Every structure is written in structure tokens, then in C-alpha cells.
Amino acid sequence: MQPYLASLFLTYTEELDINLNLINGFNRFCEVFMRLRLGLMLWCWGWLGCASSPGPADESATYGREEGRVWVSGPWEAIKPSSDVDEVIDQLCPVIMRLPLANEGDAGREYCGVIYSLGDGTYYASHPSPLGRTHDGRFSPEKSCYVPRNVRDARGQIVPLGDYHSHPWSPSRMSGSTRDLLRATQLYSIRIQFDAGCNLQKFIPYLDEDRAGELYVRQGKRWKLIGTVKPEDKARGFITPVVDRGTP
């Protein structure tokens, strides 16, 4: 009996050792697997974090975004200041059209800036900003640049007069763009628009007045009235053309 019991005990002990080895091996496998799993998760998180994080800020030393709003710096040295705001306006288009993609049509881009003073009677133009968006329109890509809400001029407190923006096509008239005439899109006292052919238009919205907004086209050194936006039409930007009956 004793040899039988000894043999049985030895067999049980060997099986126990085998089971313990299996258990230890399984535990070791689980430990290695969890470490690999954790490492893989951390690697994935790091990769996804890099892939989903925003790229470099789309800005330069002369324009950028702050709290979701576009800012520009001034004055723009390319535009000569003047006490006559029309002299500042007349300089804008030729200089803007030398900027990248400014006159490239469907492949081009818009530029937006601000005309302002420091309260001393002299007018300046800010640097232009290309920040905006492009989306597919009915016939071709439609583009828009964001009107700057702030001008950074280290010389003093700015007094904004109006915004300006370019179109990369020609002809491209403000009278054909409801968006440019909407009350909701007006921030300043005047709006200047010019196309790739340097056809200038000026819109005076009279936001806080019960009078019609006025749309002008630049002809030589004068502004010619070509349309009005009646008070009841300001919310939808509907323009009423002014009929040119000629000289009697």
C-alpha cells in the first residue's frame, strides 16, 4: 500500500507542478498582453492626437485670429496716408492685385482690410487679411474673406471708417451680391469693394438711420450713385437701381 500511495502522491505532485506552471505561464502571458495592449493604446492615442490636433495658426505678423475674430495690423506701408479718404481708397486695388492669387478667378482668393484714422483727420489702410472660406456656388466657387474686427496700431486708439475687400474675378459688382449689402454683414460706416479689373464700388449702409443705404461706383475721381437699399430692404440686402436718365 505504501509504495502505491507514494506513487500516487508523486503523480499528484507532478500534475500540480504542471498546473502551476500552466497558471504561471498564463499569468505571464496576460501580463505581457496587458502591457502590449496598454502600449498600443498609448501609441494610438498619441497618433490620433497628432492627427486630430489643429495645424499651425493661419496667421502672420500682420493678421490673425483672436477669440475667433480676425485682426489686422496697421498702417500698411504700401498705402500712402491722406486726409482725403478717396486718395487712400484709390490706391488699394492696384496694390492688392499684386498679392498672391488676388486676381486668379476661381482659383483666387479675397483680401479684407480696414480703413481707419487715429482721430487726427488722416486716413490709413490696414494690412489685408486673406483669412476666409471658399465653398461651391451655383456656377463657380464662391469666396469670402472675414471682415477684420480689430486693427492693431501701436500709435494709438483707432477710429474705423470702413472695410475693404477684393474679388478675384472681373467683372464682379456689389450690386450683384446680396451678402455684401445685408444689414447683418455691415460693421462700419462704409464698405469698399473692387474686382480684378479694379472696378471700385462703395456702399454706405446708414445702419442706425432711417434712410436708404447708398451704392456708388467710382468713375474717375468721383462717385456715382447707382442704387439704394431702402430701410425696409436692409435686412435682406435688396437693392433698387437708380435709373440714369442722362443729362437733359
C-alpha atoms as a PDB file:
ATOM      1  CA  MET A   1       0.000   0.000   0.000  1.00  0.00           C
ATOM      2  CA  GLN A   2       2.759   2.434   0.926  1.00  0.00           C
ATOM      3  CA  PRO A   3       4.532   2.166  -2.458  1.00  0.00           C
ATOM      4  CA  TYR A   4       1.177   2.751  -4.173  1.00  0.00           C
ATOM      5  CA  LEU A   5       0.426   5.813  -2.045  1.00  0.00           C
ATOM      6  CA  ALA A   6       3.915   7.156  -2.658  1.00  0.00           C
ATOM      7  CA  SER A   7       3.477   6.696  -6.398  1.00  0.00           C
ATOM      8  CA  LEU A   8       0.052   8.357  -6.297  1.00  0.00           C
ATOM      9  CA  PHE A   9       1.415  11.305  -4.298  1.00  0.00           C
ATOM     10  CA  LEU A  10       4.296  11.686  -6.735  1.00  0.00           C
ATOM     11  CA  THR A  11       1.912  11.684  -9.694  1.00  0.00           C
ATOM     12  CA  TYR A  12      -0.325  14.285  -7.994  1.00  0.00           C
ATOM     13  CA  THR A  13       2.670  16.473  -7.218  1.00  0.00           C
ATOM     14  CA  GLU A  14       3.894  16.352 -10.810  1.00  0.00           C
ATOM     15  CA  GLU A  15       0.415  17.234 -12.108  1.00  0.00           C
ATOM     16  CA  LEU A  16       0.239  20.079  -9.580  1.00  0.00           C
ATOM     17  CA  ASP A  17       3.597  21.397 -10.757  1.00  0.00           C
ATOM     18  CA  ILE A  18       2.401  21.198 -14.348  1.00  0.00           C
ATOM     19  CA  ASN A  19      -0.827  23.061 -13.485  1.00  0.00           C
ATOM     20  CA  LEU A  20       1.108  25.677 -11.523  1.00  0.00           C
ATOM     21  CA  ASN A  21       3.457  26.126 -14.448  1.00  0.00           C
ATOM     22  CA  LEU A  22       0.488  26.471 -16.762  1.00  0.00           C
ATOM     23  CA  ILE A  23      -1.112  29.009 -14.419  1.00  0.00           C
ATOM     24  CA  ASN A  24       2.137  30.934 -14.076  1.00  0.00           C
ATOM     25  CA  GLY A  25       2.600  30.836 -17.827  1.00  0.00           C
ATOM     26  CA  PHE A  26      -0.934  32.080 -18.381  1.00  0.00           C
ATOM     27  CA  ASN A  27      -0.448  34.860 -15.829  1.00  0.00           C
ATOM     28  CA  ARG A  28       2.783  35.817 -17.546  1.00  0.00           C
ATOM     29  CA  PHE A  29       1.007  35.827 -20.911  1.00  0.00           C
ATOM     30  CA  CYS A  30      -1.752  38.029 -19.505  1.00  0.00           C
ATOM     31  CA  GLU A  31       0.823  40.425 -18.047  1.00  0.00           C
ATOM     32  CA  VAL A  32       2.692  40.712 -21.324  1.00  0.00           C
ATOM     33  CA  PHE A  33      -0.580  41.068 -23.246  1.00  0.00           C
ATOM     34  CA  MET A  34      -1.803  43.881 -20.977  1.00  0.00           C
ATOM     35  CA  ARG A  35       1.498  45.696 -21.350  1.00  0.00           C
ATOM     36  CA  LEU A  36       1.340  45.349 -25.100  1.00  0.00           C
ATOM     37  CA  ARG A  37      -2.293  46.466 -25.095  1.00  0.00           C
ATOM     38  CA  LEU A  38      -1.503  49.495 -22.947  1.00  0.00           C
ATOM     39  CA  GLY A  39       1.433  50.399 -25.154  1.00  0.00           C
ATOM     40  CA  LEU A  40      -0.684  50.042 -28.277  1.00  0.00           C
ATOM     41  CA  MET A  41      -3.419  52.237 -26.791  1.00  0.00           C
ATOM     42  CA  LEU A  42      -0.926  54.919 -25.811  1.00  0.00           C
ATOM     43  CA  TRP A  43       0.612  54.798 -29.272  1.00  0.00           C
ATOM     44  CA  CYS A  44      -2.812  55.080 -30.909  1.00  0.00           C
ATOM     45  CA  TRP A  45      -3.821  57.945 -28.660  1.00  0.00           C
ATOM     46  CA  GLY A  46      -0.596  59.747 -29.450  1.00  0.00           C
ATOM     47  CA  TRP A  47      -1.013  59.171 -33.177  1.00  0.00           C
ATOM     48  CA  LEU A  48      -4.652  60.240 -33.156  1.00  0.00           C
ATOM     49  CA  GLY A  49      -3.794  63.252 -31.050  1.00  0.00           C
ATOM     50  CA  CYS A  50      -1.222  64.369 -33.592  1.00  0.00           C
ATOM     51  CA  ALA A  51      -3.568  63.644 -36.474  1.00  0.00           C
ATOM     52  CA  SER A  52      -6.526  65.483 -34.990  1.00  0.00           C
ATOM     53  CA  SER A  53      -4.759  68.434 -33.420  1.00  0.00           C
ATOM     54  CA  PRO A  54      -5.015  71.683 -35.384  1.00  0.00           C
ATOM     55  CA  GLY A  55      -2.147  72.669 -37.578  1.00  0.00           C
ATOM     56  CA  PRO A  56      -0.181  75.906 -37.291  1.00  0.00           C
ATOM     57  CA  ALA A  57      -2.259  79.035 -36.810  1.00  0.00           C
ATOM     58  CA  ASP A  58      -3.190  80.538 -40.156  1.00  0.00           C
ATOM     59  CA  GLU A  59      -1.801  83.944 -39.418  1.00  0.00           C
ATOM     60  CA  SER A  60       1.199  86.196 -39.876  1.00  0.00           C
ATOM     61  CA  ALA A  61       2.648  89.256 -38.220  1.00  0.00           C
ATOM     62  CA  THR A  62       0.057  91.440 -39.973  1.00  0.00           C
ATOM     63  CA  TYR A  63      -3.145  89.440 -39.468  1.00  0.00           C
ATOM     64  CA  GLY A  64      -4.544  86.622 -37.381  1.00  0.00           C
ATOM     65  CA  ARG A  65      -7.362  85.447 -35.142  1.00  0.00           C
ATOM     66  CA  GLU A  66      -8.124  86.220 -31.548  1.00  0.00           C
ATOM     67  CA  GLU A  67     -11.118  84.648 -29.802  1.00  0.00           C
ATOM     68  CA  GLY A  68     -12.482  83.645 -33.195  1.00  0.00           C
ATOM     69  CA  ARG A  69     -12.285  87.140 -34.679  1.00  0.00           C
ATOM     70  CA  VAL A  70      -9.878  88.367 -37.322  1.00  0.00           C
ATOM     71  CA  TRP A  71      -7.453  91.179 -36.523  1.00  0.00           C
ATOM     72  CA  VAL A  72      -5.119  93.110 -38.806  1.00  0.00           C
ATOM     73  CA  SER A  73      -2.229  95.442 -38.120  1.00  0.00           C
ATOM     74  CA  GLY A  74      -1.745  98.936 -39.425  1.00  0.00           C
ATOM     75  CA  PRO A  75      -0.808 101.127 -41.026  1.00  0.00           C
ATOM     76  CA  TRP A  76       0.018  99.315 -44.266  1.00  0.00           C
ATOM     77  CA  GLU A  77       3.166 100.937 -45.598  1.00  0.00           C
ATOM     78  CA  ALA A  78       2.176 100.183 -49.201  1.00  0.00           C
ATOM     79  CA  ILE A  79      -0.719 102.671 -48.970  1.00  0.00           C
ATOM     80  CA  LYS A  80       0.106 106.339 -48.518  1.00  0.00           C
ATOM     81  CA  PRO A  81      -1.977 108.003 -45.761  1.00  0.00           C
ATOM     82  CA  SER A  82      -4.094 111.001 -46.697  1.00  0.00           C
ATOM     83  CA  SER A  83      -6.579 113.450 -45.226  1.00  0.00           C
ATOM     84  CA  ASP A  84      -8.730 112.632 -48.283  1.00  0.00           C
ATOM     85  CA  VAL A  85     -10.092 109.116 -47.771  1.00  0.00           C
ATOM     86  CA  ASP A  86     -10.704 108.724 -51.511  1.00  0.00           C
ATOM     87  CA  GLU A  87      -6.971 109.001 -52.122  1.00  0.00           C
ATOM     88  CA  VAL A  88      -6.455 106.041 -49.789  1.00  0.00           C
ATOM     89  CA  ILE A  89      -9.255 104.068 -51.474  1.00  0.00           C
ATOM     90  CA  ASP A  90      -7.858 104.695 -54.975  1.00  0.00           C
ATOM     91  CA  GLN A  91      -4.519 103.128 -54.006  1.00  0.00           C
ATOM     92  CA  LEU A  92      -5.936  99.851 -52.710  1.00  0.00           C
ATOM     93  CA  CYS A  93      -6.789  97.815 -55.802  1.00  0.00           C
ATOM     94  CA  PRO A  94      -3.503  98.062 -57.750  1.00  0.00           C
ATOM     95  CA  VAL A  95      -1.532  97.039 -54.665  1.00  0.00           C
ATOM     96  CA  ILE A  96      -3.914  94.247 -53.602  1.00  0.00           C
ATOM     97  CA  MET A  97      -3.908  92.742 -57.084  1.00  0.00           C
ATOM     98  CA  ARG A  98      -0.167  92.139 -56.787  1.00  0.00           C
ATOM     99  CA  LEU A  99      -0.754  89.823 -53.812  1.00  0.00           C
ATOM    100  CA  PRO A 100      -0.806  86.011 -54.220  1.00  0.00           C
ATOM    101  CA  LEU A 101      -3.940  84.707 -56.022  1.00  0.00           C
ATOM    102  CA  ALA A 102      -5.668  88.085 -55.796  1.00  0.00           C
ATOM    103  CA  ASN A 103      -6.753  88.029 -59.457  1.00  0.00           C
ATOM    104  CA  GLU A 104      -6.846  84.302 -60.201  1.00  0.00           C
ATOM    105  CA  GLY A 105     -10.620  83.945 -60.630  1.00  0.00           C
ATOM    106  CA  ASP A 106     -11.997  80.624 -59.406  1.00  0.00           C
ATOM    107  CA  ALA A 107      -8.539  79.683 -58.143  1.00  0.00           C
ATOM    108  CA  GLY A 108      -8.052  83.032 -56.422  1.00  0.00           C
ATOM    109  CA  ARG A 109      -8.749  84.475 -53.026  1.00  0.00           C
ATOM    110  CA  GLU A 110     -10.270  87.552 -51.436  1.00  0.00           C
ATOM    111  CA  TYR A 111      -8.478  90.006 -49.179  1.00  0.00           C
ATOM    112  CA  CYS A 112     -10.159  92.074 -46.447  1.00  0.00           C
ATOM    113  CA  GLY A 113      -8.913  95.075 -44.514  1.00  0.00           C
ATOM    114  CA  VAL A 114      -9.962  98.231 -42.705  1.00  0.00           C
ATOM    115  CA  ILE A 115      -9.755 101.939 -43.493  1.00  0.00           C
ATOM    116  CA  TYR A 116      -9.310 103.943 -40.302  1.00  0.00           C
ATOM    117  CA  SER A 117      -7.899 107.019 -38.632  1.00  0.00           C
ATOM    118  CA  LEU A 118      -6.386 107.863 -35.270  1.00  0.00           C
ATOM    119  CA  GLY A 119      -8.825 110.719 -34.797  1.00  0.00           C
ATOM    120  CA  ASP A 120      -6.411 113.224 -36.320  1.00  0.00           C
ATOM    121  CA  GLY A 121      -8.108 113.603 -39.716  1.00  0.00           C
ATOM    122  CA  THR A 122      -5.616 111.369 -41.553  1.00  0.00           C
ATOM    123  CA  TYR A 123      -6.811 108.087 -43.006  1.00  0.00           C
ATOM    124  CA  TYR A 124      -4.839 104.852 -43.204  1.00  0.00           C
ATOM    125  CA  ALA A 125      -5.352 101.390 -44.635  1.00  0.00           C
ATOM    126  CA  SER A 126      -4.637  98.317 -42.569  1.00  0.00           C
ATOM    127  CA  HIS A 127      -2.754  95.331 -43.889  1.00  0.00           C
ATOM    128  CA  PRO A 128      -5.070  92.962 -45.769  1.00  0.00           C
ATOM    129  CA  SER A 129      -6.067  89.543 -44.463  1.00  0.00           C
ATOM    130  CA  PRO A 130      -6.744  86.508 -46.684  1.00  0.00           C
ATOM    131  CA  LEU A 131      -8.485  84.592 -43.894  1.00  0.00           C
ATOM    132  CA  GLY A 132     -11.866  83.386 -45.095  1.00  0.00           C
ATOM    133  CA  ARG A 133     -13.632  80.474 -46.677  1.00  0.00           C
ATOM    134  CA  THR A 134     -14.375  79.004 -50.085  1.00  0.00           C
ATOM    135  CA  HIS A 135     -17.475  76.988 -50.954  1.00  0.00           C
ATOM    136  CA  ASP A 136     -19.109  75.806 -54.120  1.00  0.00           C
ATOM    137  CA  GLY A 137     -21.607  78.230 -55.557  1.00  0.00           C
ATOM    138  CA  ARG A 138     -24.172  77.761 -58.284  1.00  0.00           C
ATOM    139  CA  PHE A 139     -21.811  78.400 -61.147  1.00  0.00           C
ATOM    140  CA  SER A 140     -18.332  78.578 -59.614  1.00  0.00           C
ATOM    141  CA  PRO A 141     -16.556  78.533 -56.251  1.00  0.00           C
ATOM    142  CA  GLU A 142     -17.700  81.406 -54.047  1.00  0.00           C
ATOM    143  CA  LYS A 143     -15.160  83.061 -51.810  1.00  0.00           C
ATOM    144  CA  SER A 144     -15.338  85.354 -48.854  1.00  0.00           C
ATOM    145  CA  CYS A 145     -12.801  86.861 -46.512  1.00  0.00           C
ATOM    146  CA  TYR A 146     -13.678  87.632 -42.919  1.00  0.00           C
ATOM    147  CA  VAL A 147     -14.024  91.348 -42.202  1.00  0.00           C
ATOM    148  CA  PRO A 148     -11.464  92.270 -39.511  1.00  0.00           C
ATOM    149  CA  ARG A 149     -12.998  93.290 -36.199  1.00  0.00           C
ATOM    150  CA  ASN A 150      -9.871  94.884 -34.811  1.00  0.00           C
ATOM    151  CA  VAL A 151      -6.909  96.909 -36.058  1.00  0.00           C
ATOM    152  CA  ARG A 152      -3.668  96.800 -34.117  1.00  0.00           C
ATOM    153  CA  ASP A 153      -1.852 100.107 -34.426  1.00  0.00           C
ATOM    154  CA  ALA A 154       0.708 100.792 -31.705  1.00  0.00           C
ATOM    155  CA  ARG A 155       0.482 104.547 -32.247  1.00  0.00           C
ATOM    156  CA  GLY A 156      -2.898 104.986 -30.606  1.00  0.00           C
ATOM    157  CA  GLN A 157      -6.625 104.268 -30.492  1.00  0.00           C
ATOM    158  CA  ILE A 158      -8.014 103.593 -33.943  1.00  0.00           C
ATOM    159  CA  VAL A 159     -11.254 105.056 -35.292  1.00  0.00           C
ATOM    160  CA  PRO A 160     -12.556 102.693 -38.002  1.00  0.00           C
ATOM    161  CA  LEU A 161     -14.296 104.188 -41.008  1.00  0.00           C
ATOM    162  CA  GLY A 162     -14.934 101.219 -43.259  1.00  0.00           C
ATOM    163  CA  ASP A 163     -13.868  97.842 -44.532  1.00  0.00           C
ATOM    164  CA  TYR A 164     -12.498  96.972 -47.940  1.00  0.00           C
ATOM    165  CA  HIS A 165     -12.380  93.668 -49.773  1.00  0.00           C
ATOM    166  CA  SER A 166     -11.284  92.398 -53.142  1.00  0.00           C
ATOM    167  CA  HIS A 167     -12.798  89.916 -55.581  1.00  0.00           C
ATOM    168  CA  PRO A 168     -10.511  87.750 -57.761  1.00  0.00           C
ATOM    169  CA  TRP A 169     -12.875  87.987 -60.753  1.00  0.00           C
ATOM    170  CA  SER A 170     -13.887  90.723 -63.144  1.00  0.00           C
ATOM    171  CA  PRO A 171     -16.472  91.990 -63.531  1.00  0.00           C
ATOM    172  CA  SER A 172     -17.803  91.462 -60.005  1.00  0.00           C
ATOM    173  CA  ARG A 173     -20.180  94.098 -58.752  1.00  0.00           C
ATOM    174  CA  MET A 174     -21.515  94.625 -55.254  1.00  0.00           C
ATOM    175  CA  SER A 175     -24.928  95.206 -56.774  1.00  0.00           C
ATOM    176  CA  GLY A 176     -24.939  91.527 -57.711  1.00  0.00           C
ATOM    177  CA  SER A 177     -24.080  90.294 -54.215  1.00  0.00           C
ATOM    178  CA  THR A 178     -26.861  90.369 -51.656  1.00  0.00           C
ATOM    179  CA  ARG A 179     -24.483  89.139 -48.969  1.00  0.00           C
ATOM    180  CA  ASP A 180     -22.304  92.255 -49.255  1.00  0.00           C
ATOM    181  CA  LEU A 181     -25.348  94.504 -48.772  1.00  0.00           C
ATOM    182  CA  LEU A 182     -27.071  92.698 -45.900  1.00  0.00           C
ATOM    183  CA  ARG A 183     -27.505  94.689 -42.718  1.00  0.00           C
ATOM    184  CA  ALA A 184     -26.130  91.746 -40.728  1.00  0.00           C
ATOM    185  CA  THR A 185     -22.794  91.887 -42.560  1.00  0.00           C
ATOM    186  CA  GLN A 186     -22.185  95.617 -42.055  1.00  0.00           C
ATOM    187  CA  LEU A 187     -19.697  96.545 -39.329  1.00  0.00           C
ATOM    188  CA  TYR A 188     -18.574 100.035 -40.305  1.00  0.00           C
ATOM    189  CA  SER A 189     -19.797 103.265 -41.893  1.00  0.00           C
ATOM    190  CA  ILE A 190     -18.746 102.368 -45.427  1.00  0.00           C
ATOM    191  CA  ARG A 191     -17.827  99.273 -47.418  1.00  0.00           C
ATOM    192  CA  ILE A 192     -15.407  99.328 -50.353  1.00  0.00           C
ATOM    193  CA  GLN A 193     -15.285  96.528 -52.914  1.00  0.00           C
ATOM    194  CA  PHE A 194     -13.145  96.142 -56.028  1.00  0.00           C
ATOM    195  CA  ASP A 195     -12.688  93.339 -58.538  1.00  0.00           C
ATOM    196  CA  ALA A 196      -9.717  92.069 -60.518  1.00  0.00           C
ATOM    197  CA  GLY A 197     -10.308  94.851 -63.058  1.00  0.00           C
ATOM    198  CA  CYS A 198     -10.097  97.485 -60.290  1.00  0.00           C
ATOM    199  CA  ASN A 199     -13.740  98.492 -60.676  1.00  0.00           C
ATOM    200  CA  LEU A 200     -14.471 100.225 -57.370  1.00  0.00           C
ATOM    201  CA  GLN A 201     -17.808 100.400 -55.571  1.00  0.00           C
ATOM    202  CA  LYS A 202     -18.746 101.971 -52.250  1.00  0.00           C
ATOM    203  CA  PHE A 203     -21.707 101.138 -50.052  1.00  0.00           C
ATOM    204  CA  ILE A 204     -22.922 103.440 -47.281  1.00  0.00           C
ATOM    205  CA  PRO A 205     -25.389 101.356 -45.205  1.00  0.00           C
ATOM    206  CA  TYR A 206     -26.622 104.096 -42.819  1.00  0.00           C
ATOM    207  CA  LEU A 207     -27.137 101.352 -40.251  1.00  0.00           C
ATOM    208  CA  ASP A 208     -28.537 103.461 -37.435  1.00  0.00           C
ATOM    209  CA  GLU A 209     -30.532 105.831 -39.592  1.00  0.00           C
ATOM    210  CA  ASP A 210     -33.993 105.567 -41.074  1.00  0.00           C
ATOM    211  CA  ARG A 211     -32.764 106.314 -44.575  1.00  0.00           C
ATOM    212  CA  ALA A 212     -31.816 104.251 -47.580  1.00  0.00           C
ATOM    213  CA  GLY A 213     -28.354 102.810 -47.963  1.00  0.00           C
ATOM    214  CA  GLU A 214     -26.496 104.085 -50.999  1.00  0.00           C
ATOM    215  CA  LEU A 215     -24.365 102.217 -53.519  1.00  0.00           C
ATOM    216  CA  TYR A 216     -21.839 104.120 -55.618  1.00  0.00           C
ATOM    217  CA  VAL A 217     -19.426 103.265 -58.414  1.00  0.00           C
ATOM    218  CA  ARG A 218     -16.107 105.050 -58.846  1.00  0.00           C
ATOM    219  CA  GLN A 219     -15.857 106.954 -62.124  1.00  0.00           C
ATOM    220  CA  GLY A 220     -12.608 108.820 -62.479  1.00  0.00           C
ATOM    221  CA  LYS A 221     -12.316 110.941 -59.357  1.00  0.00           C
ATOM    222  CA  ARG A 222     -15.983 110.980 -58.424  1.00  0.00           C
ATOM    223  CA  TRP A 223     -18.585 108.596 -57.013  1.00  0.00           C
ATOM    224  CA  LYS A 224     -21.739 107.970 -58.998  1.00  0.00           C
ATOM    225  CA  LEU A 225     -24.908 106.753 -57.245  1.00  0.00           C
ATOM    226  CA  ILE A 226     -26.178 103.565 -58.917  1.00  0.00           C
ATOM    227  CA  GLY A 227     -28.557 102.056 -56.352  1.00  0.00           C
ATOM    228  CA  THR A 228     -30.220 102.322 -52.959  1.00  0.00           C
ATOM    229  CA  VAL A 229     -31.236  99.879 -50.263  1.00  0.00           C
ATOM    230  CA  LYS A 230     -34.471 101.093 -48.712  1.00  0.00           C
ATOM    231  CA  PRO A 231     -34.878 100.847 -44.922  1.00  0.00           C
ATOM    232  CA  GLU A 232     -37.405  98.032 -45.308  1.00  0.00           C
ATOM    233  CA  ASP A 233     -34.951  96.144 -47.557  1.00  0.00           C
ATOM    234  CA  LYS A 234     -31.819  96.399 -45.406  1.00  0.00           C
ATOM    235  CA  ALA A 235     -32.369  93.077 -43.661  1.00  0.00           C
ATOM    236  CA  ARG A 236     -32.375  91.183 -46.978  1.00  0.00           C
ATOM    237  CA  GLY A 237     -29.919  93.386 -48.889  1.00  0.00           C
ATOM    238  CA  PHE A 238     -32.293  94.106 -51.747  1.00  0.00           C
ATOM    239  CA  ILE A 239     -31.076  96.939 -53.961  1.00  0.00           C
ATOM    240  CA  THR A 240     -33.187  99.324 -56.011  1.00  0.00           C
ATOM    241  CA  PRO A 241     -31.279 100.552 -59.080  1.00  0.00           C
ATOM    242  CA  VAL A 242     -31.039 104.262 -59.728  1.00  0.00           C
ATOM    243  CA  VAL A 243     -32.007 104.997 -63.304  1.00  0.00           C
ATOM    244  CA  ASP A 244     -29.506 107.172 -65.128  1.00  0.00           C
ATOM    245  CA  ARG A 245     -31.616 109.403 -67.308  1.00  0.00           C
ATOM    246  CA  GLY A 246     -28.598 111.220 -68.691  1.00  0.00           C
ATOM    247  CA  THR A 247     -28.086 114.944 -68.936  1.00  0.00           C
ATOM    248  CA  PRO A 248     -31.235 116.797 -70.035  1.00  0.00           C
END
